[in-house]
Amino acid sequence: MHHQKIYLKFLSLIQSVESRGELPTLDADAKRVLETIAVRHFLGEHMTISDAMALNKIASPATLHRKIDLLREQGLVETYFEGENRRTKYLRPTEHASQYFSALGTLIENAMATTTALAQ
């Protein structure tokens, strides 16, 4: 039950911060795409546009394309080339995405601290 309270408090904090415009407003599909790109980058794995378009557990290729474009427009992901190869585009999170995930990390810490304090 304790972990459930932490998670629900975290969701409540996210909703509050998003409603104030302090975090980018992303729908569930865009969040999942961003999270997938960020986790792969964190693990040191390169993610191509083709890799992203194959995330059919998230959405259709057309929807994924729109979500990637949205993330690029919001400055959360960028495309780049590796070396001399100009045929394959890769995706990576930007500094703005790092700030976004840092803000979420802070919300998790706050949720844990608040819930722990209430339990005592």
PDB file of N, CA and C in Angstrom:
ATOM      1  N   MET A   1       0.830  -1.203   0.000  1.00  0.00           N
ATOM      2  CA  MET A   1       0.000   0.000   0.000  1.00  0.00           C
ATOM      3  C   MET A   1       0.868   1.258   0.000  1.00  0.00           C
ATOM      4  N   HIS A   2       2.026   1.193   0.678  1.00  0.00           N
ATOM      5  CA  HIS A   2       2.928   2.345   0.749  1.00  0.00           C
ATOM      6  C   HIS A   2       3.405   2.757  -0.646  1.00  0.00           C
ATOM      7  N   HIS A   3       3.806   1.789  -1.459  1.00  0.00           N
ATOM      8  CA  HIS A   3       4.287   2.088  -2.807  1.00  0.00           C
ATOM      9  C   HIS A   3       3.173   2.656  -3.682  1.00  0.00           C
ATOM     10  N   GLN A   4       1.964   2.165  -3.489  1.00  0.00           N
ATOM     11  CA  GLN A   4       0.822   2.690  -4.239  1.00  0.00           C
ATOM     12  C   GLN A   4       0.615   4.167  -3.910  1.00  0.00           C
ATOM     13  N   LYS A   5       0.711   4.513  -2.637  1.00  0.00           N
ATOM     14  CA  LYS A   5       0.533   5.907  -2.225  1.00  0.00           C
ATOM     15  C   LYS A   5       1.625   6.796  -2.829  1.00  0.00           C
ATOM     16  N   ILE A   6       2.856   6.296  -2.828  1.00  0.00           N
ATOM     17  CA  ILE A   6       3.956   7.069  -3.431  1.00  0.00           C
ATOM     18  C   ILE A   6       3.661   7.331  -4.899  1.00  0.00           C
ATOM     19  N   TYR A   7       3.270   6.280  -5.617  1.00  0.00           N
ATOM     20  CA  TYR A   7       3.024   6.434  -7.058  1.00  0.00           C
ATOM     21  C   TYR A   7       1.848   7.374  -7.323  1.00  0.00           C
ATOM     22  N   LEU A   8       0.782   7.232  -6.569  1.00  0.00           N
ATOM     23  CA  LEU A   8      -0.376   8.104  -6.768  1.00  0.00           C
ATOM     24  C   LEU A   8      -0.052   9.550  -6.402  1.00  0.00           C
ATOM     25  N   LYS A   9       0.762   9.743  -5.379  1.00  0.00           N
ATOM     26  CA  LYS A   9       1.196  11.098  -5.025  1.00  0.00           C
ATOM     27  C   LYS A   9       2.038  11.677  -6.160  1.00  0.00           C
ATOM     28  N   PHE A  10       2.926  10.855  -6.723  1.00  0.00           N
ATOM     29  CA  PHE A  10       3.746  11.266  -7.862  1.00  0.00           C
ATOM     30  C   PHE A  10       2.855  11.694  -9.033  1.00  0.00           C
ATOM     31  N   LEU A  11       1.857  10.880  -9.372  1.00  0.00           N
ATOM     32  CA  LEU A  11       0.944  11.242 -10.469  1.00  0.00           C
ATOM     33  C   LEU A  11       0.210  12.541 -10.176  1.00  0.00           C
ATOM     34  N   SER A  12      -0.196  12.709  -8.934  1.00  0.00           N
ATOM     35  CA  SER A  12      -0.870  13.946  -8.535  1.00  0.00           C
ATOM     36  C   SER A  12       0.046  15.147  -8.717  1.00  0.00           C
ATOM     37  N   LEU A  13       1.302  15.002  -8.320  1.00  0.00           N
ATOM     38  CA  LEU A  13       2.269  16.093  -8.481  1.00  0.00           C
ATOM     39  C   LEU A  13       2.508  16.394  -9.966  1.00  0.00           C
ATOM     40  N   ILE A  14       2.627  15.360 -10.783  1.00  0.00           N
ATOM     41  CA  ILE A  14       2.822  15.577 -12.227  1.00  0.00           C
ATOM     42  C   ILE A  14       1.654  16.360 -12.807  1.00  0.00           C
ATOM     43  N   GLN A  15       0.445  15.924 -12.476  1.00  0.00           N
ATOM     44  CA  GLN A  15      -0.739  16.606 -13.005  1.00  0.00           C
ATOM     45  C   GLN A  15      -0.778  18.061 -12.575  1.00  0.00           C
ATOM     46  N   SER A  16      -0.418  18.325 -11.343  1.00  0.00           N
ATOM     47  CA  SER A  16      -0.401  19.694 -10.838  1.00  0.00           C
ATOM     48  C   SER A  16       0.632  20.537 -11.587  1.00  0.00           C
ATOM     49  N   VAL A  17       1.834  20.004 -11.743  1.00  0.00           N
ATOM     50  CA  VAL A  17       2.905  20.741 -12.420  1.00  0.00           C
ATOM     51  C   VAL A  17       2.573  20.939 -13.908  1.00  0.00           C
ATOM     52  N   GLU A  18       2.032  19.903 -14.548  1.00  0.00           N
ATOM     53  CA  GLU A  18       1.660  20.027 -15.965  1.00  0.00           C
ATOM     54  C   GLU A  18       0.561  21.061 -16.153  1.00  0.00           C
ATOM     55  N   SER A  19      -0.410  21.101 -15.236  1.00  0.00           N
ATOM     56  CA  SER A  19      -1.513  22.061 -15.371  1.00  0.00           C
ATOM     57  C   SER A  19      -1.031  23.501 -15.236  1.00  0.00           C
ATOM     58  N   ARG A  20       0.090  23.699 -14.548  1.00  0.00           N
ATOM     59  CA  ARG A  20       0.659  25.044 -14.414  1.00  0.00           C
ATOM     60  C   ARG A  20       1.598  25.377 -15.571  1.00  0.00           C
ATOM     61  N   GLY A  21       1.802  24.426 -16.470  1.00  0.00           N
ATOM     62  CA  GLY A  21       2.658  24.666 -17.631  1.00  0.00           C
ATOM     63  C   GLY A  21       4.143  24.577 -17.330  1.00  0.00           C
ATOM     64  N   GLU A  22       4.500  23.953 -16.209  1.00  0.00           N
ATOM     65  CA  GLU A  22       5.908  23.857 -15.822  1.00  0.00           C
ATOM     66  C   GLU A  22       6.635  22.703 -16.513  1.00  0.00           C
ATOM     67  N   LEU A  23       5.885  21.776 -17.061  1.00  0.00           N
ATOM     68  CA  LEU A  23       6.451  20.662 -17.825  1.00  0.00           C
ATOM     69  C   LEU A  23       5.791  20.650 -19.199  1.00  0.00           C
ATOM     70  N   PRO A  24       6.495  20.136 -20.196  1.00  0.00           N
ATOM     71  CA  PRO A  24       5.855  20.014 -21.501  1.00  0.00           C
ATOM     72  C   PRO A  24       4.610  19.127 -21.402  1.00  0.00           C
ATOM     73  N   THR A  25       3.565  19.516 -22.088  1.00  0.00           N
ATOM     74  CA  THR A  25       2.349  18.712 -22.105  1.00  0.00           C
ATOM     75  C   THR A  25       2.487  17.667 -23.204  1.00  0.00           C
ATOM     76  N   LEU A  26       2.549  16.417 -22.792  1.00  0.00           N
ATOM     77  CA  LEU A  26       2.705  15.308 -23.725  1.00  0.00           C
ATOM     78  C   LEU A  26       1.604  14.293 -23.478  1.00  0.00           C
ATOM     79  N   ASP A  27       1.045  13.759 -24.558  1.00  0.00           N
ATOM     80  CA  ASP A  27       0.076  12.683 -24.380  1.00  0.00           C
ATOM     81  C   ASP A  27       0.828  11.392 -24.068  1.00  0.00           C
ATOM     82  N   ALA A  28       0.086  10.351 -23.750  1.00  0.00           N
ATOM     83  CA  ALA A  28       0.697   9.091 -23.305  1.00  0.00           C
ATOM     84  C   ALA A  28       1.638   8.503 -24.352  1.00  0.00           C
ATOM     85  N   ASP A  29       1.249   8.559 -25.623  1.00  0.00           N
ATOM     86  CA  ASP A  29       2.111   8.001 -26.678  1.00  0.00           C
ATOM     87  C   ASP A  29       3.417   8.777 -26.803  1.00  0.00           C
ATOM     88  N   ALA A  30       3.332  10.097 -26.766  1.00  0.00           N
ATOM     89  CA  ALA A  30       4.541  10.919 -26.880  1.00  0.00           C
ATOM     90  C   ALA A  30       5.461  10.679 -25.684  1.00  0.00           C
ATOM     91  N   LYS A  31       4.882  10.538 -24.485  1.00  0.00           N
ATOM     92  CA  LYS A  31       5.693  10.250 -23.300  1.00  0.00           C
ATOM     93  C   LYS A  31       6.422   8.920 -23.452  1.00  0.00           C
ATOM     94  N   ARG A  32       5.712   7.911 -23.936  1.00  0.00           N
ATOM     95  CA  ARG A  32       6.329   6.584 -24.087  1.00  0.00           C
ATOM     96  C   ARG A  32       7.445   6.604 -25.122  1.00  0.00           C
ATOM     97  N   VAL A  33       7.236   7.340 -26.210  1.00  0.00           N
ATOM     98  CA  VAL A  33       8.289   7.452 -27.223  1.00  0.00           C
ATOM     99  C   VAL A  33       9.502   8.166 -26.624  1.00  0.00           C
ATOM    100  N   LEU A  34       9.274   9.288 -25.953  1.00  0.00           N
ATOM    101  CA  LEU A  34      10.367  10.026 -25.322  1.00  0.00           C
ATOM    102  C   LEU A  34      11.094   9.157 -24.302  1.00  0.00           C
ATOM    103  N   GLU A  35      10.346   8.461 -23.472  1.00  0.00           N
ATOM    104  CA  GLU A  35      10.961   7.594 -22.461  1.00  0.00           C
ATOM    105  C   GLU A  35      11.800   6.495 -23.105  1.00  0.00           C
ATOM    106  N   THR A  36      11.300   5.913 -24.194  1.00  0.00           N
ATOM    107  CA  THR A  36      12.033   4.852 -24.881  1.00  0.00           C
ATOM    108  C   THR A  36      13.342   5.380 -25.462  1.00  0.00           C
ATOM    109  N   ILE A  37      13.273   6.547 -26.106  1.00  0.00           N
ATOM    110  CA  ILE A  37      14.481   7.159 -26.665  1.00  0.00           C
ATOM    111  C   ILE A  37      15.476   7.463 -25.544  1.00  0.00           C
ATOM    112  N   ALA A  38      14.983   8.034 -24.446  1.00  0.00           N
ATOM    113  CA  ALA A  38      15.864   8.420 -23.336  1.00  0.00           C
ATOM    114  C   ALA A  38      16.496   7.200 -22.667  1.00  0.00           C
ATOM    115  N   VAL A  39      15.730   6.146 -22.455  1.00  0.00           N
ATOM    116  CA  VAL A  39      16.278   4.946 -21.819  1.00  0.00           C
ATOM    117  C   VAL A  39      17.332   4.314 -22.712  1.00  0.00           C
ATOM    118  N   ARG A  40      17.046   4.213 -24.001  1.00  0.00           N
ATOM    119  CA  ARG A  40      18.039   3.633 -24.917  1.00  0.00           C
ATOM    120  C   ARG A  40      19.320   4.466 -24.905  1.00  0.00           C
ATOM    121  N   HIS A  41      19.170   5.782 -24.912  1.00  0.00           N
ATOM    122  CA  HIS A  41      20.337   6.668 -24.875  1.00  0.00           C
ATOM    123  C   HIS A  41      21.093   6.478 -23.555  1.00  0.00           C
ATOM    124  N   PHE A  42      20.373   6.414 -22.449  1.00  0.00           N
ATOM    125  CA  PHE A  42      20.965   6.220 -21.131  1.00  0.00           C
ATOM    126  C   PHE A  42      21.778   4.920 -21.077  1.00  0.00           C
ATOM    127  N   LEU A  43      21.276   3.882 -21.753  1.00  0.00           N
ATOM    128  CA  LEU A  43      21.955   2.587 -21.788  1.00  0.00           C
ATOM    129  C   LEU A  43      23.091   2.546 -22.810  1.00  0.00           C
ATOM    130  N   GLY A  44      23.304   3.662 -23.511  1.00  0.00           N
ATOM    131  CA  GLY A  44      24.378   3.728 -24.495  1.00  0.00           C
ATOM    132  C   GLY A  44      24.034   3.078 -25.816  1.00  0.00           C
ATOM    133  N   GLU A  45      22.751   2.868 -26.058  1.00  0.00           N
ATOM    134  CA  GLU A  45      22.298   2.264 -27.310  1.00  0.00           C
ATOM    135  C   GLU A  45      21.825   3.357 -28.257  1.00  0.00           C
ATOM    136  N   HIS A  46      22.247   3.275 -29.495  1.00  0.00           N
ATOM    137  CA  HIS A  46      21.810   4.233 -30.501  1.00  0.00           C
ATOM    138  C   HIS A  46      20.434   3.828 -31.014  1.00  0.00           C
ATOM    139  N   MET A  47      19.567   4.806 -31.201  1.00  0.00           N
ATOM    140  CA  MET A  47      18.226   4.531 -31.701  1.00  0.00           C
ATOM    141  C   MET A  47      18.026   5.274 -33.009  1.00  0.00           C
ATOM    142  N   THR A  48      17.757   4.531 -34.051  1.00  0.00           N
ATOM    143  CA  THR A  48      17.511   5.145 -35.352  1.00  0.00           C
ATOM    144  C   THR A  48      16.042   5.533 -35.465  1.00  0.00           C
ATOM    145  N   ILE A  49      15.765   6.345 -36.460  1.00  0.00           N
ATOM    146  CA  ILE A  49      14.365   6.674 -36.767  1.00  0.00           C
ATOM    147  C   ILE A  49      13.614   5.380 -37.087  1.00  0.00           C
ATOM    148  N   SER A  50      14.255   4.485 -37.830  1.00  0.00           N
ATOM    149  CA  SER A  50      13.621   3.200 -38.167  1.00  0.00           C
ATOM    150  C   SER A  50      13.296   2.392 -36.917  1.00  0.00           C
ATOM    151  N   ASP A  51      14.211   2.393 -35.943  1.00  0.00           N
ATOM    152  CA  ASP A  51      13.945   1.709 -34.669  1.00  0.00           C
ATOM    153  C   ASP A  51      12.704   2.300 -34.002  1.00  0.00           C
ATOM    154  N   ALA A  52      12.625   3.602 -33.994  1.00  0.00           N
ATOM    155  CA  ALA A  52      11.486   4.278 -33.367  1.00  0.00           C
ATOM    156  C   ALA A  52      10.185   3.964 -34.105  1.00  0.00           C
ATOM    157  N   MET A  53      10.260   3.904 -35.413  1.00  0.00           N
ATOM    158  CA  MET A  53       9.060   3.624 -36.207  1.00  0.00           C
ATOM    159  C   MET A  53       8.576   2.186 -35.997  1.00  0.00           C
ATOM    160  N   ALA A  54       9.429   1.333 -35.476  1.00  0.00           N
ATOM    161  CA  ALA A  54       9.072  -0.064 -35.225  1.00  0.00           C
ATOM    162  C   ALA A  54       8.494  -0.278 -33.822  1.00  0.00           C
ATOM    163  N   LEU A  55       8.267   0.782 -33.080  1.00  0.00           N
ATOM    164  CA  LEU A  55       7.712   0.665 -31.726  1.00  0.00           C
ATOM    165  C   LEU A  55       6.202   0.455 -31.793  1.00  0.00           C
ATOM    166  N   ASN A  56       5.794  -0.602 -32.480  1.00  0.00           N
ATOM    167  CA  ASN A  56       4.366  -0.825 -32.728  1.00  0.00           C
ATOM    168  C   ASN A  56       3.576  -1.169 -31.469  1.00  0.00           C
ATOM    169  N   LYS A  57       4.255  -1.412 -30.344  1.00  0.00           N
ATOM    170  CA  LYS A  57       3.547  -1.611 -29.078  1.00  0.00           C
ATOM    171  C   LYS A  57       3.008  -0.281 -28.557  1.00  0.00           C
ATOM    172  N   ILE A  58       3.599   0.799 -29.039  1.00  0.00           N
ATOM    173  CA  ILE A  58       3.162   2.131 -28.613  1.00  0.00           C
ATOM    174  C   ILE A  58       2.066   2.654 -29.529  1.00  0.00           C
ATOM    175  N   ALA A  59       2.321   2.611 -30.833  1.00  0.00           N
ATOM    176  CA  ALA A  59       1.358   3.181 -31.783  1.00  0.00           C
ATOM    177  C   ALA A  59       1.721   2.743 -33.197  1.00  0.00           C
ATOM    178  N   SER A  60       0.899   3.155 -34.133  1.00  0.00           N
ATOM    179  CA  SER A  60       1.149   2.854 -35.541  1.00  0.00           C
ATOM    180  C   SER A  60       2.314   3.699 -36.042  1.00  0.00           C
ATOM    181  N   PRO A  61       2.952   3.306 -37.144  1.00  0.00           N
ATOM    182  CA  PRO A  61       4.057   4.101 -37.676  1.00  0.00           C
ATOM    183  C   PRO A  61       3.672   5.563 -37.963  1.00  0.00           C
ATOM    184  N   ALA A  62       2.484   5.786 -38.468  1.00  0.00           N
ATOM    185  CA  ALA A  62       2.055   7.165 -38.756  1.00  0.00           C
ATOM    186  C   ALA A  62       1.963   7.985 -37.466  1.00  0.00           C
ATOM    187  N   THR A  63       1.397   7.387 -36.426  1.00  0.00           N
ATOM    188  CA  THR A  63       1.291   8.079 -35.147  1.00  0.00           C
ATOM    189  C   THR A  63       2.672   8.303 -34.542  1.00  0.00           C
ATOM    190  N   LEU A  64       3.538   7.293 -34.630  1.00  0.00           N
ATOM    191  CA  LEU A  64       4.905   7.442 -34.120  1.00  0.00           C
ATOM    192  C   LEU A  64       5.627   8.577 -34.824  1.00  0.00           C
ATOM    193  N   HIS A  65       5.439   8.681 -36.124  1.00  0.00           N
ATOM    194  CA  HIS A  65       6.072   9.763 -36.892  1.00  0.00           C
ATOM    195  C   HIS A  65       5.610  11.128 -36.366  1.00  0.00           C
ATOM    196  N   ARG A  66       4.308  11.251 -36.129  1.00  0.00           N
ATOM    197  CA  ARG A  66       3.767  12.512 -35.595  1.00  0.00           C
ATOM    198  C   ARG A  66       4.325  12.801 -34.203  1.00  0.00           C
ATOM    199  N   LYS A  67       4.430  11.771 -33.369  1.00  0.00           N
ATOM    200  CA  LYS A  67       4.929  11.973 -32.014  1.00  0.00           C
ATOM    201  C   LYS A  67       6.403  12.381 -32.021  1.00  0.00           C
ATOM    202  N   ILE A  68       7.189  11.769 -32.890  1.00  0.00           N
ATOM    203  CA  ILE A  68       8.600  12.151 -33.012  1.00  0.00           C
ATOM    204  C   ILE A  68       8.714  13.595 -33.477  1.00  0.00           C
ATOM    205  N   ASP A  69       7.898  13.968 -34.455  1.00  0.00           N
ATOM    206  CA  ASP A  69       7.894  15.367 -34.916  1.00  0.00           C
ATOM    207  C   ASP A  69       7.515  16.311 -33.784  1.00  0.00           C
ATOM    208  N   LEU A  70       6.532  15.942 -32.988  1.00  0.00           N
ATOM    209  CA  LEU A  70       6.107  16.763 -31.846  1.00  0.00           C
ATOM    210  C   LEU A  70       7.244  16.909 -30.834  1.00  0.00           C
ATOM    211  N   LEU A  71       7.914  15.808 -30.536  1.00  0.00           N
ATOM    212  CA  LEU A  71       9.028  15.848 -29.589  1.00  0.00           C
ATOM    213  C   LEU A  71      10.169  16.707 -30.115  1.00  0.00           C
ATOM    214  N   ARG A  72      10.409  16.664 -31.412  1.00  0.00           N
ATOM    215  CA  ARG A  72      11.443  17.521 -32.015  1.00  0.00           C
ATOM    216  C   ARG A  72      11.025  18.983 -31.942  1.00  0.00           C
ATOM    217  N   GLU A  73       9.759  19.272 -32.244  1.00  0.00           N
ATOM    218  CA  GLU A  73       9.263  20.650 -32.194  1.00  0.00           C
ATOM    219  C   GLU A  73       9.347  21.216 -30.780  1.00  0.00           C
ATOM    220  N   GLN A  74       9.117  20.384 -29.781  1.00  0.00           N
ATOM    221  CA  GLN A  74       9.174  20.841 -28.390  1.00  0.00           C
ATOM    222  C   GLN A  74      10.603  20.850 -27.846  1.00  0.00           C
ATOM    223  N   GLY A  75      11.548  20.455 -28.682  1.00  0.00           N
ATOM    224  CA  GLY A  75      12.951  20.504 -28.281  1.00  0.00           C
ATOM    225  C   GLY A  75      13.363  19.403 -27.327  1.00  0.00           C
ATOM    226  N   LEU A  76      12.620  18.295 -27.315  1.00  0.00           N
ATOM    227  CA  LEU A  76      12.916  17.204 -26.393  1.00  0.00           C
ATOM    228  C   LEU A  76      13.803  16.121 -27.011  1.00  0.00           C
ATOM    229  N   VAL A  77      13.762  15.979 -28.326  1.00  0.00           N
ATOM    230  CA  VAL A  77      14.649  15.047 -29.023  1.00  0.00           C
ATOM    231  C   VAL A  77      15.230  15.746 -30.244  1.00  0.00           C
ATOM    232  N   GLU A  78      16.367  15.224 -30.676  1.00  0.00           N
ATOM    233  CA  GLU A  78      16.992  15.747 -31.881  1.00  0.00           C
ATOM    234  C   GLU A  78      17.501  14.578 -32.706  1.00  0.00           C
ATOM    235  N   THR A  79      17.676  14.826 -33.988  1.00  0.00           N
ATOM    236  CA  THR A  79      18.243  13.812 -34.869  1.00  0.00           C
ATOM    237  C   THR A  79      19.703  14.153 -35.120  1.00  0.00           C
ATOM    238  N   TYR A  80      20.482  13.121 -35.399  1.00  0.00           N
ATOM    239  CA  TYR A  80      21.892  13.322 -35.696  1.00  0.00           C
ATOM    240  C   TYR A  80      22.380  12.165 -36.554  1.00  0.00           C
ATOM    241  N   PHE A  81      23.532  12.347 -37.157  1.00  0.00           N
ATOM    242  CA  PHE A  81      24.168  11.319 -37.972  1.00  0.00           C
ATOM    243  C   PHE A  81      25.393  10.808 -37.232  1.00  0.00           C
ATOM    244  N   GLU A  82      25.763   9.564 -37.493  1.00  0.00           N
ATOM    245  CA  GLU A  82      26.975   8.981 -36.941  1.00  0.00           C
ATOM    246  C   GLU A  82      28.066   9.002 -37.999  1.00  0.00           C
ATOM    247  N   GLY A  83      29.170   9.647 -37.704  1.00  0.00           N
ATOM    248  CA  GLY A  83      30.311   9.656 -38.622  1.00  0.00           C
ATOM    249  C   GLY A  83      29.967  10.173 -40.005  1.00  0.00           C
ATOM    250  N   GLU A  84      30.457   9.471 -41.003  1.00  0.00           N
ATOM    251  CA  GLU A  84      30.251   9.869 -42.393  1.00  0.00           C
ATOM    252  C   GLU A  84      28.943   9.346 -42.976  1.00  0.00           C
ATOM    253  N   ASN A  85      28.276   8.458 -42.265  1.00  0.00           N
ATOM    254  CA  ASN A  85      27.027   7.871 -42.743  1.00  0.00           C
ATOM    255  C   ASN A  85      25.905   8.909 -42.676  1.00  0.00           C
ATOM    256  N   ARG A  86      25.454   9.352 -43.829  1.00  0.00           N
ATOM    257  CA  ARG A  86      24.382  10.353 -43.896  1.00  0.00           C
ATOM    258  C   ARG A  86      23.052   9.724 -44.281  1.00  0.00           C
ATOM    259  N   ARG A  87      23.013   8.397 -44.336  1.00  0.00           N
ATOM    260  CA  ARG A  87      21.762   7.723 -44.710  1.00  0.00           C
ATOM    261  C   ARG A  87      20.927   7.360 -43.491  1.00  0.00           C
ATOM    262  N   THR A  88      21.564   7.182 -42.352  1.00  0.00           N
ATOM    263  CA  THR A  88      20.849   6.742 -41.157  1.00  0.00           C
ATOM    264  C   THR A  88      20.805   7.874 -40.139  1.00  0.00           C
ATOM    265  N   LYS A  89      19.573   8.266 -39.767  1.00  0.00           N
ATOM    266  CA  LYS A  89      19.383   9.291 -38.744  1.00  0.00           C
ATOM    267  C   LYS A  89      19.129   8.612 -37.412  1.00  0.00           C
ATOM    268  N   TYR A  90      19.746   9.171 -36.385  1.00  0.00           N
ATOM    269  CA  TYR A  90      19.582   8.671 -35.026  1.00  0.00           C
ATOM    270  C   TYR A  90      18.832   9.703 -34.195  1.00  0.00           C
ATOM    271  N   LEU A  91      18.221   9.228 -33.122  1.00  0.00           N
ATOM    272  CA  LEU A  91      17.493  10.088 -32.200  1.00  0.00           C
ATOM    273  C   LEU A  91      18.189  10.093 -30.849  1.00  0.00           C
ATOM    274  N   ARG A  92      18.178  11.248 -30.205  1.00  0.00           N
ATOM    275  CA  ARG A  92      18.683  11.322 -28.835  1.00  0.00           C
ATOM    276  C   ARG A  92      17.930  12.423 -28.103  1.00  0.00           C
ATOM    277  N   PRO A  93      17.846  12.290 -26.782  1.00  0.00           N
ATOM    278  CA  PRO A  93      17.199  13.341 -25.994  1.00  0.00           C
ATOM    279  C   PRO A  93      18.089  14.582 -25.940  1.00  0.00           C
ATOM    280  N   THR A  94      17.473  15.711 -25.808  1.00  0.00           N
ATOM    281  CA  THR A  94      18.188  16.984 -25.724  1.00  0.00           C
ATOM    282  C   THR A  94      18.394  17.376 -24.260  1.00  0.00           C
ATOM    283  N   GLU A  95      19.054  18.490 -24.062  1.00  0.00           N
ATOM    284  CA  GLU A  95      19.218  19.044 -22.712  1.00  0.00           C
ATOM    285  C   GLU A  95      17.851  19.371 -22.102  1.00  0.00           C
ATOM    286  N   HIS A  96      16.926  19.821 -22.949  1.00  0.00           N
ATOM    287  CA  HIS A  96      15.563  20.114 -22.473  1.00  0.00           C
ATOM    288  C   HIS A  96      14.904  18.839 -21.938  1.00  0.00           C
ATOM    289  N   ALA A  97      15.144  17.713 -22.600  1.00  0.00           N
ATOM    290  CA  ALA A  97      14.625  16.429 -22.112  1.00  0.00           C
ATOM    291  C   ALA A  97      15.278  16.061 -20.785  1.00  0.00           C
ATOM    292  N   SER A  98      16.569  16.325 -20.649  1.00  0.00           N
ATOM    293  CA  SER A  98      17.261  16.057 -19.389  1.00  0.00           C
ATOM    294  C   SER A  98      16.636  16.861 -18.255  1.00  0.00           C
ATOM    295  N   GLN A  99      16.299  18.101 -18.530  1.00  0.00           N
ATOM    296  CA  GLN A  99      15.647  18.943 -17.524  1.00  0.00           C
ATOM    297  C   GLN A  99      14.258  18.395 -17.182  1.00  0.00           C
ATOM    298  N   TYR A 100      13.550  17.908 -18.196  1.00  0.00           N
ATOM    299  CA  TYR A 100      12.228  17.305 -18.000  1.00  0.00           C
ATOM    300  C   TYR A 100      12.333  16.094 -17.070  1.00  0.00           C
ATOM    301  N   PHE A 101      13.283  15.187 -17.350  1.00  0.00           N
ATOM    302  CA  PHE A 101      13.438  13.996 -16.524  1.00  0.00           C
ATOM    303  C   PHE A 101      13.956  14.352 -15.128  1.00  0.00           C
ATOM    304  N   SER A 102      14.765  15.375 -15.032  1.00  0.00           N
ATOM    305  CA  SER A 102      15.233  15.832 -13.727  1.00  0.00           C
ATOM    306  C   SER A 102      14.056  16.343 -12.895  1.00  0.00           C
ATOM    307  N   ALA A 103      13.165  17.086 -13.537  1.00  0.00           N
ATOM    308  CA  ALA A 103      11.970  17.585 -12.845  1.00  0.00           C
ATOM    309  C   ALA A 103      11.098  16.419 -12.379  1.00  0.00           C
ATOM    310  N   LEU A 104      10.962  15.399 -13.214  1.00  0.00           N
ATOM    311  CA  LEU A 104      10.183  14.222 -12.812  1.00  0.00           C
ATOM    312  C   LEU A 104      10.854  13.504 -11.643  1.00  0.00           C
ATOM    313  N   GLY A 105      12.182  13.422 -11.667  1.00  0.00           N
ATOM    314  CA  GLY A 105      12.914  12.811 -10.564  1.00  0.00           C
ATOM    315  C   GLY A 105      12.673  13.546  -9.260  1.00  0.00           C
ATOM    316  N   THR A 106      12.643  14.869  -9.328  1.00  0.00           N
ATOM    317  CA  THR A 106      12.353  15.684  -8.147  1.00  0.00           C
ATOM    318  C   THR A 106      10.944  15.404  -7.640  1.00  0.00           C
ATOM    319  N   LEU A 107       9.990  15.249  -8.558  1.00  0.00           N
ATOM    320  CA  LEU A 107       8.618  14.943  -8.145  1.00  0.00           C
ATOM    321  C   LEU A 107       8.545  13.582  -7.457  1.00  0.00           C
ATOM    322  N   ILE A 108       9.311  12.619  -7.946  1.00  0.00           N
ATOM    323  CA  ILE A 108       9.341  11.300  -7.301  1.00  0.00           C
ATOM    324  C   ILE A 108       9.887  11.437  -5.883  1.00  0.00           C
ATOM    325  N   GLU A 109      10.982  12.176  -5.737  1.00  0.00           N
ATOM    326  CA  GLU A 109      11.551  12.383  -4.402  1.00  0.00           C
ATOM    327  C   GLU A 109      10.548  13.048  -3.475  1.00  0.00           C
ATOM    328  N   ASN A 110       9.845  14.058  -3.991  1.00  0.00           N
ATOM    329  CA  ASN A 110       8.846  14.756  -3.180  1.00  0.00           C
ATOM    330  C   ASN A 110       7.711  13.818  -2.780  1.00  0.00           C
ATOM    331  N   ALA A 111       7.275  12.994  -3.712  1.00  0.00           N
ATOM    332  CA  ALA A 111       6.195  12.046  -3.420  1.00  0.00           C
ATOM    333  C   ALA A 111       6.628  11.062  -2.348  1.00  0.00           C
ATOM    334  N   MET A 112       7.867  10.590  -2.458  1.00  0.00           N
ATOM    335  CA  MET A 112       8.375   9.637  -1.469  1.00  0.00           C
ATOM    336  C   MET A 112       8.494  10.295  -0.093  1.00  0.00           C
ATOM    337  N   ALA A 113       9.030  11.505  -0.058  1.00  0.00           N
ATOM    338  CA  ALA A 113       9.207  12.201   1.218  1.00  0.00           C
ATOM    339  C   ALA A 113       7.856  12.501   1.863  1.00  0.00           C
ATOM    340  N   THR A 114       6.917  12.983   1.089  1.00  0.00           N
ATOM    341  CA  THR A 114       5.596  13.323   1.622  1.00  0.00           C
ATOM    342  C   THR A 114       4.880  12.080   2.143  1.00  0.00           C
ATOM    343  N   THR A 115       4.925  11.020   1.351  1.00  0.00           N
ATOM    344  CA  THR A 115       4.233   9.793   1.741  1.00  0.00           C
ATOM    345  C   THR A 115       4.881   9.159   2.963  1.00  0.00           C
ATOM    346  N   THR A 116       6.207   9.199   3.021  1.00  0.00           N
ATOM    347  CA  THR A 116       6.920   8.647   4.177  1.00  0.00           C
ATOM    348  C   THR A 116       6.612   9.453   5.429  1.00  0.00           C
ATOM    349  N   ALA A 117       6.566  10.769   5.290  1.00  0.00           N
ATOM    350  CA  ALA A 117       6.256  11.623   6.438  1.00  0.00           C
ATOM    351  C   ALA A 117       4.844  11.370   6.947  1.00  0.00           C
ATOM    352  N   LEU A 118       3.907  11.141   6.049  1.00  0.00           N
ATOM    353  CA  LEU A 118       2.530  10.879   6.444  1.00  0.00           C
ATOM    354  C   LEU A 118       2.386   9.533   7.139  1.00  0.00           C
ATOM    355  N   ALA A 119       3.221   8.575   6.744  1.00  0.00           N
ATOM    356  CA  ALA A 119       3.148   7.228   7.316  1.00  0.00           C
ATOM    357  C   ALA A 119       3.687   7.180   8.743  1.00  0.00           C
ATOM    358  N   GLN A 120       4.493   8.159   9.129  1.00  0.00           N
ATOM    359  CA  GLN A 120       5.115   8.130  10.462  1.00  0.00           C
ATOM    360  C   GLN A 120       4.258   8.753  11.508  1.00  0.00           C
TER     361      GLN A 120
END
